[in-house]
């Protein structure tokens, strides 16, 4: 749901709302053993100037609180002027479906 929310907002208001904007999505595994985690970053550049919203609704809840509770994750959502940045770090067992 978070990726859907990020892409929808980007196409309406962010980097994907114009022809110059870009989105960079990266993920990596970090830690080891019981501390192994998935780190995922969504970074926008080249879109309209970003400012912190004055109202936080359901979309912000999806990107932060719901993701944190559902995946036992840490989320950092940054509204930098040059582009939105969403960083999520979650225990690997909560974020990646294991082979059966």
PDB file of N, CA and C in Angstrom:
ATOM      1  N   UNK A   1       0.819  -1.194   0.000  1.00  0.00           N
ATOM      2  CA  UNK A   1       0.000   0.000   0.000  1.00  0.00           C
ATOM      3  C   UNK A   1       0.865   1.261   0.000  1.00  0.00           C
ATOM      4  N   UNK A   2       2.006   1.201   0.698  1.00  0.00           N
ATOM      5  CA  UNK A   2       2.868   2.388   0.779  1.00  0.00           C
ATOM      6  C   UNK A   2       3.412   2.761  -0.602  1.00  0.00           C
ATOM      7  N   UNK A   3       3.852   1.780  -1.371  1.00  0.00           N
ATOM      8  CA  UNK A   3       4.388   2.069  -2.710  1.00  0.00           C
ATOM      9  C   UNK A   3       3.281   2.642  -3.599  1.00  0.00           C
ATOM     10  N   UNK A   4       2.086   2.111  -3.487  1.00  0.00           N
ATOM     11  CA  UNK A   4       0.958   2.655  -4.244  1.00  0.00           C
ATOM     12  C   UNK A   4       0.714   4.110  -3.858  1.00  0.00           C
ATOM     13  N   UNK A   5       0.727   4.401  -2.575  1.00  0.00           N
ATOM     14  CA  UNK A   5       0.502   5.772  -2.097  1.00  0.00           C
ATOM     15  C   UNK A   5       1.608   6.713  -2.589  1.00  0.00           C
ATOM     16  N   UNK A   6       2.855   6.268  -2.511  1.00  0.00           N
ATOM     17  CA  UNK A   6       3.973   7.094  -2.987  1.00  0.00           C
ATOM     18  C   UNK A   6       3.857   7.389  -4.479  1.00  0.00           C
ATOM     19  N   UNK A   7       3.551   6.364  -5.269  1.00  0.00           N
ATOM     20  CA  UNK A   7       3.472   6.564  -6.718  1.00  0.00           C
ATOM     21  C   UNK A   7       2.274   7.431  -7.109  1.00  0.00           C
ATOM     22  N   UNK A   8       1.150   7.243  -6.445  1.00  0.00           N
ATOM     23  CA  UNK A   8      -0.032   8.059  -6.728  1.00  0.00           C
ATOM     24  C   UNK A   8       0.238   9.530  -6.413  1.00  0.00           C
ATOM     25  N   UNK A   9       0.798   9.791  -5.233  1.00  0.00           N
ATOM     26  CA  UNK A   9       1.092  11.172  -4.843  1.00  0.00           C
ATOM     27  C   UNK A   9       2.148  11.798  -5.744  1.00  0.00           C
ATOM     28  N   UNK A  10       3.140  11.004  -6.139  1.00  0.00           N
ATOM     29  CA  UNK A  10       4.187  11.530  -7.010  1.00  0.00           C
ATOM     30  C   UNK A  10       3.624  11.935  -8.366  1.00  0.00           C
ATOM     31  N   UNK A  11       2.696  11.138  -8.893  1.00  0.00           N
ATOM     32  CA  UNK A  11       2.114  11.464 -10.203  1.00  0.00           C
ATOM     33  C   UNK A  11       1.181  12.663 -10.126  1.00  0.00           C
ATOM     34  N   UNK A  12       0.572  12.899  -8.981  1.00  0.00           N
ATOM     35  CA  UNK A  12      -0.332  14.041  -8.826  1.00  0.00           C
ATOM     36  C   UNK A  12       0.396  15.328  -8.453  1.00  0.00           C
ATOM     37  N   UNK A  13       1.355  15.220  -7.510  1.00  0.00           N
ATOM     38  CA  UNK A  13       1.946  16.421  -6.913  1.00  0.00           C
ATOM     39  C   UNK A  13       3.471  16.474  -6.964  1.00  0.00           C
ATOM     40  N   UNK A  14       4.125  15.346  -7.170  1.00  0.00           N
ATOM     41  CA  UNK A  14       5.575  15.269  -7.016  1.00  0.00           C
ATOM     42  C   UNK A  14       6.347  15.159  -8.309  1.00  0.00           C
ATOM     43  N   UNK A  15       7.445  14.442  -8.242  1.00  0.00           N
ATOM     44  CA  UNK A  15       8.391  14.344  -9.346  1.00  0.00           C
ATOM     45  C   UNK A  15       7.782  13.769 -10.618  1.00  0.00           C
ATOM     46  N   UNK A  16       6.823  12.881 -10.488  1.00  0.00           N
ATOM     47  CA  UNK A  16       6.218  12.278 -11.677  1.00  0.00           C
ATOM     48  C   UNK A  16       5.081  13.108 -12.263  1.00  0.00           C
ATOM     49  N   UNK A  17       4.866  14.304 -11.708  1.00  0.00           N
ATOM     50  CA  UNK A  17       3.817  15.185 -12.231  1.00  0.00           C
ATOM     51  C   UNK A  17       4.316  16.067 -13.366  1.00  0.00           C
ATOM     52  N   UNK A  18       5.604  15.957 -13.709  1.00  0.00           N
ATOM     53  CA  UNK A  18       6.151  16.705 -14.840  1.00  0.00           C
ATOM     54  C   UNK A  18       7.121  15.825 -15.617  1.00  0.00           C
ATOM     55  N   UNK A  19       7.644  16.347 -16.723  1.00  0.00           N
ATOM     56  CA  UNK A  19       8.525  15.528 -17.569  1.00  0.00           C
ATOM     57  C   UNK A  19       9.977  15.524 -17.108  1.00  0.00           C
ATOM     58  N   UNK A  20      10.347  16.372 -16.161  1.00  0.00           N
ATOM     59  CA  UNK A  20      11.729  16.458 -15.700  1.00  0.00           C
ATOM     60  C   UNK A  20      11.999  15.628 -14.446  1.00  0.00           C
ATOM     61  N   UNK A  21      10.953  15.263 -13.742  1.00  0.00           N
ATOM     62  CA  UNK A  21      11.113  14.582 -12.466  1.00  0.00           C
ATOM     63  C   UNK A  21      11.512  13.125 -12.598  1.00  0.00           C
ATOM     64  N   UNK A  22      12.181  12.639 -11.561  1.00  0.00           N
ATOM     65  CA  UNK A  22      12.584  11.237 -11.497  1.00  0.00           C
ATOM     66  C   UNK A  22      12.298  10.684 -10.108  1.00  0.00           C
ATOM     67  N   UNK A  23      12.141   9.386 -10.057  1.00  0.00           N
ATOM     68  CA  UNK A  23      12.010   8.669  -8.795  1.00  0.00           C
ATOM     69  C   UNK A  23      13.058   7.576  -8.790  1.00  0.00           C
ATOM     70  N   UNK A  24      13.800   7.491  -7.699  1.00  0.00           N
ATOM     71  CA  UNK A  24      14.799   6.449  -7.525  1.00  0.00           C
ATOM     72  C   UNK A  24      14.342   5.572  -6.375  1.00  0.00           C
ATOM     73  N   UNK A  25      14.150   4.281  -6.642  1.00  0.00           N
ATOM     74  CA  UNK A  25      13.747   3.326  -5.614  1.00  0.00           C
ATOM     75  C   UNK A  25      14.895   2.343  -5.430  1.00  0.00           C
ATOM     76  N   UNK A  26      15.337   2.208  -4.181  1.00  0.00           N
ATOM     77  CA  UNK A  26      16.434   1.282  -3.867  1.00  0.00           C
ATOM     78  C   UNK A  26      16.023   0.424  -2.686  1.00  0.00           C
ATOM     79  N   UNK A  27      16.502  -0.796  -2.667  1.00  0.00           N
ATOM     80  CA  UNK A  27      16.322  -1.636  -1.495  1.00  0.00           C
ATOM     81  C   UNK A  27      17.580  -2.438  -1.293  1.00  0.00           C
ATOM     82  N   UNK A  28      17.828  -2.776  -0.045  1.00  0.00           N
ATOM     83  CA  UNK A  28      18.992  -3.578   0.297  1.00  0.00           C
ATOM     84  C   UNK A  28      18.715  -4.341   1.583  1.00  0.00           C
ATOM     85  N   UNK A  29      19.485  -5.393   1.773  1.00  0.00           N
ATOM     86  CA  UNK A  29      19.425  -6.155   3.013  1.00  0.00           C
ATOM     87  C   UNK A  29      20.537  -5.642   3.913  1.00  0.00           C
ATOM     88  N   UNK A  30      20.240  -5.501   5.188  1.00  0.00           N
ATOM     89  CA  UNK A  30      21.248  -5.032   6.130  1.00  0.00           C
ATOM     90  C   UNK A  30      21.212  -5.907   7.371  1.00  0.00           C
ATOM     91  N   UNK A  31      22.262  -5.826   8.153  1.00  0.00           N
ATOM     92  CA  UNK A  31      22.355  -6.623   9.366  1.00  0.00           C
ATOM     93  C   UNK A  31      22.614  -8.085   9.063  1.00  0.00           C
ATOM     94  N   UNK A  32      22.592  -8.895  10.118  1.00  0.00           N
ATOM     95  CA  UNK A  32      22.807 -10.330   9.948  1.00  0.00           C
ATOM     96  C   UNK A  32      22.077 -11.085  11.046  1.00  0.00           C
ATOM     97  N   UNK A  33      21.882 -12.364  10.794  1.00  0.00           N
ATOM     98  CA  UNK A  33      21.211 -13.216  11.772  1.00  0.00           C
ATOM     99  C   UNK A  33      19.838 -12.701  12.133  1.00  0.00           C
ATOM    100  N   UNK A  34      19.555 -12.658  13.431  1.00  0.00           N
ATOM    101  CA  UNK A  34      18.247 -12.208  13.920  1.00  0.00           C
ATOM    102  C   UNK A  34      18.018 -10.722  13.666  1.00  0.00           C
ATOM    103  N   UNK A  35      19.092  -9.960  13.390  1.00  0.00           N
ATOM    104  CA  UNK A  35      18.975  -8.521  13.143  1.00  0.00           C
ATOM    105  C   UNK A  35      18.896  -8.178  11.659  1.00  0.00           C
ATOM    106  N   UNK A  36      18.734  -9.174  10.809  1.00  0.00           N
ATOM    107  CA  UNK A  36      18.667  -8.934   9.366  1.00  0.00           C
ATOM    108  C   UNK A  36      17.410  -8.136   9.035  1.00  0.00           C
ATOM    109  N   UNK A  37      17.560  -7.140   8.153  1.00  0.00           N
ATOM    110  CA  UNK A  37      16.420  -6.278   7.822  1.00  0.00           C
ATOM    111  C   UNK A  37      16.438  -5.886   6.348  1.00  0.00           C
ATOM    112  N   UNK A  38      15.300  -5.387   5.912  1.00  0.00           N
ATOM    113  CA  UNK A  38      15.143  -4.831   4.575  1.00  0.00           C
ATOM    114  C   UNK A  38      15.100  -3.318   4.713  1.00  0.00           C
ATOM    115  N   UNK A  39      15.904  -2.640   3.922  1.00  0.00           N
ATOM    116  CA  UNK A  39      15.858  -1.181   3.877  1.00  0.00           C
ATOM    117  C   UNK A  39      15.402  -0.777   2.488  1.00  0.00           C
ATOM    118  N   UNK A  40      14.399   0.073   2.433  1.00  0.00           N
ATOM    119  CA  UNK A  40      13.849   0.530   1.160  1.00  0.00           C
ATOM    120  C   UNK A  40      13.771   2.048   1.166  1.00  0.00           C
ATOM    121  N   UNK A  41      14.220   2.659   0.052  1.00  0.00           N
ATOM    122  CA  UNK A  41      14.239   4.114  -0.061  1.00  0.00           C
ATOM    123  C   UNK A  41      13.525   4.526  -1.342  1.00  0.00           C
ATOM    124  N   UNK A  42      12.657   5.520  -1.233  1.00  0.00           N
ATOM    125  CA  UNK A  42      11.980   6.167  -2.362  1.00  0.00           C
ATOM    126  C   UNK A  42      12.436   7.614  -2.343  1.00  0.00           C
ATOM    127  N   UNK A  43      13.105   8.071  -3.415  1.00  0.00           N
ATOM    128  CA  UNK A  43      13.585   9.452  -3.480  1.00  0.00           C
ATOM    129  C   UNK A  43      13.126  10.109  -4.771  1.00  0.00           C
ATOM    130  N   UNK A  44      12.526  11.276  -4.627  1.00  0.00           N
ATOM    131  CA  UNK A  44      12.054  12.043  -5.776  1.00  0.00           C
ATOM    132  C   UNK A  44      12.963  13.245  -5.998  1.00  0.00           C
ATOM    133  N   UNK A  45      13.182  13.585  -7.275  1.00  0.00           N
ATOM    134  CA  UNK A  45      13.952  14.765  -7.653  1.00  0.00           C
ATOM    135  C   UNK A  45      13.353  15.342  -8.924  1.00  0.00           C
ATOM    136  N   UNK A  46      13.491  16.644  -9.101  1.00  0.00           N
ATOM    137  CA  UNK A  46      13.097  17.289 -10.344  1.00  0.00           C
ATOM    138  C   UNK A  46      11.638  17.665 -10.453  1.00  0.00           C
ATOM    139  N   UNK A  47      10.889  17.455  -9.411  1.00  0.00           N
ATOM    140  CA  UNK A  47       9.478  17.837  -9.422  1.00  0.00           C
ATOM    141  C   UNK A  47       9.291  19.227  -8.855  1.00  0.00           C
ATOM    142  N   UNK A  48       8.055  19.609  -8.628  1.00  0.00           N
ATOM    143  CA  UNK A  48       7.780  20.893  -7.997  1.00  0.00           C
ATOM    144  C   UNK A  48       8.413  20.947  -6.600  1.00  0.00           C
ATOM    145  N   UNK A  49       8.711  22.149  -6.131  1.00  0.00           N
ATOM    146  CA  UNK A  49       9.274  22.314  -4.791  1.00  0.00           C
ATOM    147  C   UNK A  49       8.349  21.676  -3.762  1.00  0.00           C
ATOM    148  N   UNK A  50       8.941  20.997  -2.810  1.00  0.00           N
ATOM    149  CA  UNK A  50       8.187  20.266  -1.789  1.00  0.00           C
ATOM    150  C   UNK A  50       8.158  21.077  -0.500  1.00  0.00           C
ATOM    151  N   UNK A  51       7.042  21.007   0.177  1.00  0.00           N
ATOM    152  CA  UNK A  51       6.947  21.585   1.524  1.00  0.00           C
ATOM    153  C   UNK A  51       6.171  20.608   2.402  1.00  0.00           C
ATOM    154  N   UNK A  52       6.401  20.701   3.690  1.00  0.00           N
ATOM    155  CA  UNK A  52       5.701  19.831   4.630  1.00  0.00           C
ATOM    156  C   UNK A  52       4.210  20.146   4.582  1.00  0.00           C
ATOM    157  N   UNK A  53       3.375  19.119   4.415  1.00  0.00           N
ATOM    158  CA  UNK A  53       1.935  19.372   4.339  1.00  0.00           C
ATOM    159  C   UNK A  53       1.393  19.928   5.661  1.00  0.00           C
ATOM    160  N   UNK A  54       0.356  20.727   5.545  1.00  0.00           N
ATOM    161  CA  UNK A  54      -0.282  21.284   6.736  1.00  0.00           C
ATOM    162  C   UNK A  54      -1.313  20.327   7.317  1.00  0.00           C
ATOM    163  N   UNK A  55      -1.746  19.366   6.499  1.00  0.00           N
ATOM    164  CA  UNK A  55      -2.733  18.376   6.936  1.00  0.00           C
ATOM    165  C   UNK A  55      -2.158  16.984   6.696  1.00  0.00           C
ATOM    166  N   UNK A  56      -2.260  16.123   7.676  1.00  0.00           N
ATOM    167  CA  UNK A  56      -1.825  14.744   7.508  1.00  0.00           C
ATOM    168  C   UNK A  56      -3.043  13.842   7.569  1.00  0.00           C
ATOM    169  N   UNK A  57      -3.328  13.190   6.450  1.00  0.00           N
ATOM    170  CA  UNK A  57      -4.499  12.334   6.353  1.00  0.00           C
ATOM    171  C   UNK A  57      -4.140  10.870   6.265  1.00  0.00           C
ATOM    172  N   UNK A  58      -5.042  10.116   5.662  1.00  0.00           N
ATOM    173  CA  UNK A  58      -4.882   8.669   5.562  1.00  0.00           C
ATOM    174  C   UNK A  58      -3.612   8.291   4.792  1.00  0.00           C
ATOM    175  N   UNK A  59      -3.287   9.036   3.744  1.00  0.00           N
ATOM    176  CA  UNK A  59      -2.083   8.732   2.960  1.00  0.00           C
ATOM    177  C   UNK A  59      -0.825   8.790   3.802  1.00  0.00           C
ATOM    178  N   UNK A  60      -0.704   9.800   4.633  1.00  0.00           N
ATOM    179  CA  UNK A  60       0.456   9.913   5.518  1.00  0.00           C
ATOM    180  C   UNK A  60       0.465   8.772   6.527  1.00  0.00           C
ATOM    181  N   UNK A  61      -0.713   8.410   7.014  1.00  0.00           N
ATOM    182  CA  UNK A  61      -0.802   7.271   7.940  1.00  0.00           C
ATOM    183  C   UNK A  61      -0.318   5.979   7.277  1.00  0.00           C
ATOM    184  N   UNK A  62      -0.677   5.774   6.010  1.00  0.00           N
ATOM    185  CA  UNK A  62      -0.227   4.584   5.277  1.00  0.00           C
ATOM    186  C   UNK A  62       1.294   4.570   5.192  1.00  0.00           C
ATOM    187  N   UNK A  63       1.886   5.719   4.879  1.00  0.00           N
ATOM    188  CA  UNK A  63       3.331   5.803   4.700  1.00  0.00           C
ATOM    189  C   UNK A  63       4.110   5.707   5.999  1.00  0.00           C
ATOM    190  N   UNK A  64       3.486   6.028   7.108  1.00  0.00           N
ATOM    191  CA  UNK A  64       4.210   6.042   8.381  1.00  0.00           C
ATOM    192  C   UNK A  64       3.631   5.007   9.349  1.00  0.00           C
ATOM    193  N   UNK A  65       2.619   5.383  10.078  1.00  0.00           N
ATOM    194  CA  UNK A  65       2.118   4.566  11.187  1.00  0.00           C
ATOM    195  C   UNK A  65       1.674   3.161  10.773  1.00  0.00           C
ATOM    196  N   UNK A  66       0.920   3.051   9.694  1.00  0.00           N
ATOM    197  CA  UNK A  66       0.434   1.730   9.274  1.00  0.00           C
ATOM    198  C   UNK A  66       1.598   0.844   8.856  1.00  0.00           C
ATOM    199  N   UNK A  67       2.561   1.398   8.112  1.00  0.00           N
ATOM    200  CA  UNK A  67       3.749   0.634   7.726  1.00  0.00           C
ATOM    201  C   UNK A  67       4.546   0.225   8.954  1.00  0.00           C
ATOM    202  N   UNK A  68       4.719   1.152   9.898  1.00  0.00           N
ATOM    203  CA  UNK A  68       5.487   0.844  11.114  1.00  0.00           C
ATOM    204  C   UNK A  68       4.836  -0.270  11.924  1.00  0.00           C
ATOM    205  N   UNK A  69       3.533  -0.190  12.116  1.00  0.00           N
ATOM    206  CA  UNK A  69       2.837  -1.186  12.932  1.00  0.00           C
ATOM    207  C   UNK A  69       2.766  -2.533  12.208  1.00  0.00           C
ATOM    208  N   UNK A  70       2.421  -2.516  10.931  1.00  0.00           N
ATOM    209  CA  UNK A  70       2.247  -3.752  10.168  1.00  0.00           C
ATOM    210  C   UNK A  70       3.546  -4.540  10.036  1.00  0.00           C
ATOM    211  N   UNK A  71       4.659  -3.842   9.793  1.00  0.00           N
ATOM    212  CA  UNK A  71       5.937  -4.514   9.550  1.00  0.00           C
ATOM    213  C   UNK A  71       6.911  -4.415  10.719  1.00  0.00           C
ATOM    214  N   UNK A  72       6.492  -3.817  11.820  1.00  0.00           N
ATOM    215  CA  UNK A  72       7.398  -3.523  12.937  1.00  0.00           C
ATOM    216  C   UNK A  72       8.608  -2.756  12.401  1.00  0.00           C
ATOM    217  N   UNK A  73       8.314  -1.763  11.574  1.00  0.00           N
ATOM    218  CA  UNK A  73       9.330  -1.024  10.838  1.00  0.00           C
ATOM    219  C   UNK A  73       9.616   0.339  11.460  1.00  0.00           C
ATOM    220  N   UNK A  74      10.708   0.925  11.005  1.00  0.00           N
ATOM    221  CA  UNK A  74      11.004   2.328  11.280  1.00  0.00           C
ATOM    222  C   UNK A  74      10.857   3.058   9.958  1.00  0.00           C
ATOM    223  N   UNK A  75      10.126   4.177   9.951  1.00  0.00           N
ATOM    224  CA  UNK A  75       9.920   4.956   8.730  1.00  0.00           C
ATOM    225  C   UNK A  75      10.390   6.385   8.975  1.00  0.00           C
ATOM    226  N   UNK A  76      11.117   6.910   8.008  1.00  0.00           N
ATOM    227  CA  UNK A  76      11.525   8.308   8.028  1.00  0.00           C
ATOM    228  C   UNK A  76      10.984   8.951   6.752  1.00  0.00           C
ATOM    229  N   UNK A  77      10.054   9.869   6.895  1.00  0.00           N
ATOM    230  CA  UNK A  77       9.447  10.570   5.766  1.00  0.00           C
ATOM    231  C   UNK A  77       9.932  12.009   5.807  1.00  0.00           C
ATOM    232  N   UNK A  78      10.674  12.416   4.760  1.00  0.00           N
ATOM    233  CA  UNK A  78      11.293  13.735   4.728  1.00  0.00           C
ATOM    234  C   UNK A  78      10.743  14.547   3.563  1.00  0.00           C
ATOM    235  N   UNK A  79      10.275  15.733   3.861  1.00  0.00           N
ATOM    236  CA  UNK A  79       9.761  16.643   2.843  1.00  0.00           C
ATOM    237  C   UNK A  79      10.831  17.686   2.521  1.00  0.00           C
ATOM    238  N   UNK A  80      11.912  17.250   1.887  1.00  0.00           N
ATOM    239  CA  UNK A  80      12.975  18.172   1.491  1.00  0.00           C
ATOM    240  C   UNK A  80      12.495  18.987   0.291  1.00  0.00           C
ATOM    241  N   UNK A  81      12.910  20.225   0.201  1.00  0.00           N
ATOM    242  CA  UNK A  81      12.481  21.114  -0.880  1.00  0.00           C
ATOM    243  C   UNK A  81      12.726  20.496  -2.260  1.00  0.00           C
ATOM    244  N   UNK A  82      13.848  19.800  -2.421  1.00  0.00           N
ATOM    245  CA  UNK A  82      14.197  19.227  -3.730  1.00  0.00           C
ATOM    246  C   UNK A  82      13.473  17.923  -4.039  1.00  0.00           C
ATOM    247  N   UNK A  83      12.802  17.338  -3.046  1.00  0.00           N
ATOM    248  CA  UNK A  83      12.037  16.131  -3.320  1.00  0.00           C
ATOM    249  C   UNK A  83      11.744  15.317  -2.071  1.00  0.00           C
ATOM    250  N   UNK A  84      10.656  14.598  -2.125  1.00  0.00           N
ATOM    251  CA  UNK A  84      10.236  13.741  -1.029  1.00  0.00           C
ATOM    252  C   UNK A  84      11.173  12.558  -0.900  1.00  0.00           C
ATOM    253  N   UNK A  85      11.409  12.133   0.340  1.00  0.00           N
ATOM    254  CA  UNK A  85      12.229  10.944   0.598  1.00  0.00           C
ATOM    255  C   UNK A  85      11.531  10.107   1.661  1.00  0.00           C
ATOM    256  N   UNK A  86      11.339   8.811   1.348  1.00  0.00           N
ATOM    257  CA  UNK A  86      10.717   7.862   2.274  1.00  0.00           C
ATOM    258  C   UNK A  86      11.700   6.731   2.492  1.00  0.00           C
ATOM    259  N   UNK A  87      12.094   6.524   3.737  1.00  0.00           N
ATOM    260  CA  UNK A  87      13.025   5.451   4.099  1.00  0.00           C
ATOM    261  C   UNK A  87      12.320   4.528   5.076  1.00  0.00           C
ATOM    262  N   UNK A  88      12.302   3.234   4.748  1.00  0.00           N
ATOM    263  CA  UNK A  88      11.661   2.237   5.596  1.00  0.00           C
ATOM    264  C   UNK A  88      12.672   1.144   5.895  1.00  0.00           C
ATOM    265  N   UNK A  89      12.795   0.801   7.171  1.00  0.00           N
ATOM    266  CA  UNK A  89      13.646  -0.302   7.597  1.00  0.00           C
ATOM    267  C   UNK A  89      12.795  -1.244   8.430  1.00  0.00           C
ATOM    268  N   UNK A  90      12.758  -2.518   8.022  1.00  0.00           N
ATOM    269  CA  UNK A  90      11.912  -3.500   8.705  1.00  0.00           C
ATOM    270  C   UNK A  90      12.650  -4.826   8.848  1.00  0.00           C
ATOM    271  N   UNK A  91      12.352  -5.570   9.921  1.00  0.00           N
ATOM    272  CA  UNK A  91      12.919  -6.912  10.044  1.00  0.00           C
ATOM    273  C   UNK A  91      12.580  -7.735   8.801  1.00  0.00           C
ATOM    274  N   UNK A  92      13.561  -8.451   8.309  1.00  0.00           N
ATOM    275  CA  UNK A  92      13.403  -9.178   7.045  1.00  0.00           C
ATOM    276  C   UNK A  92      12.219 -10.150   7.087  1.00  0.00           C
ATOM    277  N   UNK A  93      12.005 -10.812   8.214  1.00  0.00           N
ATOM    278  CA  UNK A  93      10.910 -11.781   8.300  1.00  0.00           C
ATOM    279  C   UNK A  93       9.540 -11.117   8.197  1.00  0.00           C
ATOM    280  N   UNK A  94       9.452  -9.838   8.516  1.00  0.00           N
ATOM    281  CA  UNK A  94       8.176  -9.123   8.436  1.00  0.00           C
ATOM    282  C   UNK A  94       7.952  -8.514   7.066  1.00  0.00           C
ATOM    283  N   UNK A  95       9.023  -8.288   6.306  1.00  0.00           N
ATOM    284  CA  UNK A  95       8.940  -7.530   5.062  1.00  0.00           C
ATOM    285  C   UNK A  95       9.040  -8.373   3.792  1.00  0.00           C
ATOM    286  N   UNK A  96       9.564  -9.580   3.895  1.00  0.00           N
ATOM    287  CA  UNK A  96       9.793 -10.412   2.719  1.00  0.00           C
ATOM    288  C   UNK A  96       9.135 -11.767   2.928  1.00  0.00           C
ATOM    289  N   UNK A  97       8.356 -12.189   1.947  1.00  0.00           N
ATOM    290  CA  UNK A  97       7.727 -13.508   2.034  1.00  0.00           C
ATOM    291  C   UNK A  97       8.798 -14.574   1.905  1.00  0.00           C
ATOM    292  N   UNK A  98       8.797 -15.495   2.826  1.00  0.00           N
ATOM    293  CA  UNK A  98       9.779 -16.572   2.834  1.00  0.00           C
ATOM    294  C   UNK A  98       9.331 -17.701   1.916  1.00  0.00           C
ATOM    295  N   UNK A  99      10.313 -18.426   1.357  1.00  0.00           N
ATOM    296  CA  UNK A  99       9.992 -19.587   0.517  1.00  0.00           C
ATOM    297  C   UNK A  99       9.315 -20.650   1.368  1.00  0.00           C
ATOM    298  N   UNK A 100       8.409 -21.370   0.740  1.00  0.00           N
ATOM    299  CA  UNK A 100       7.687 -22.436   1.454  1.00  0.00           C
ATOM    300  C   UNK A 100       8.257 -23.770   1.143  1.00  0.00           C
TER     301      UNK A 100
END
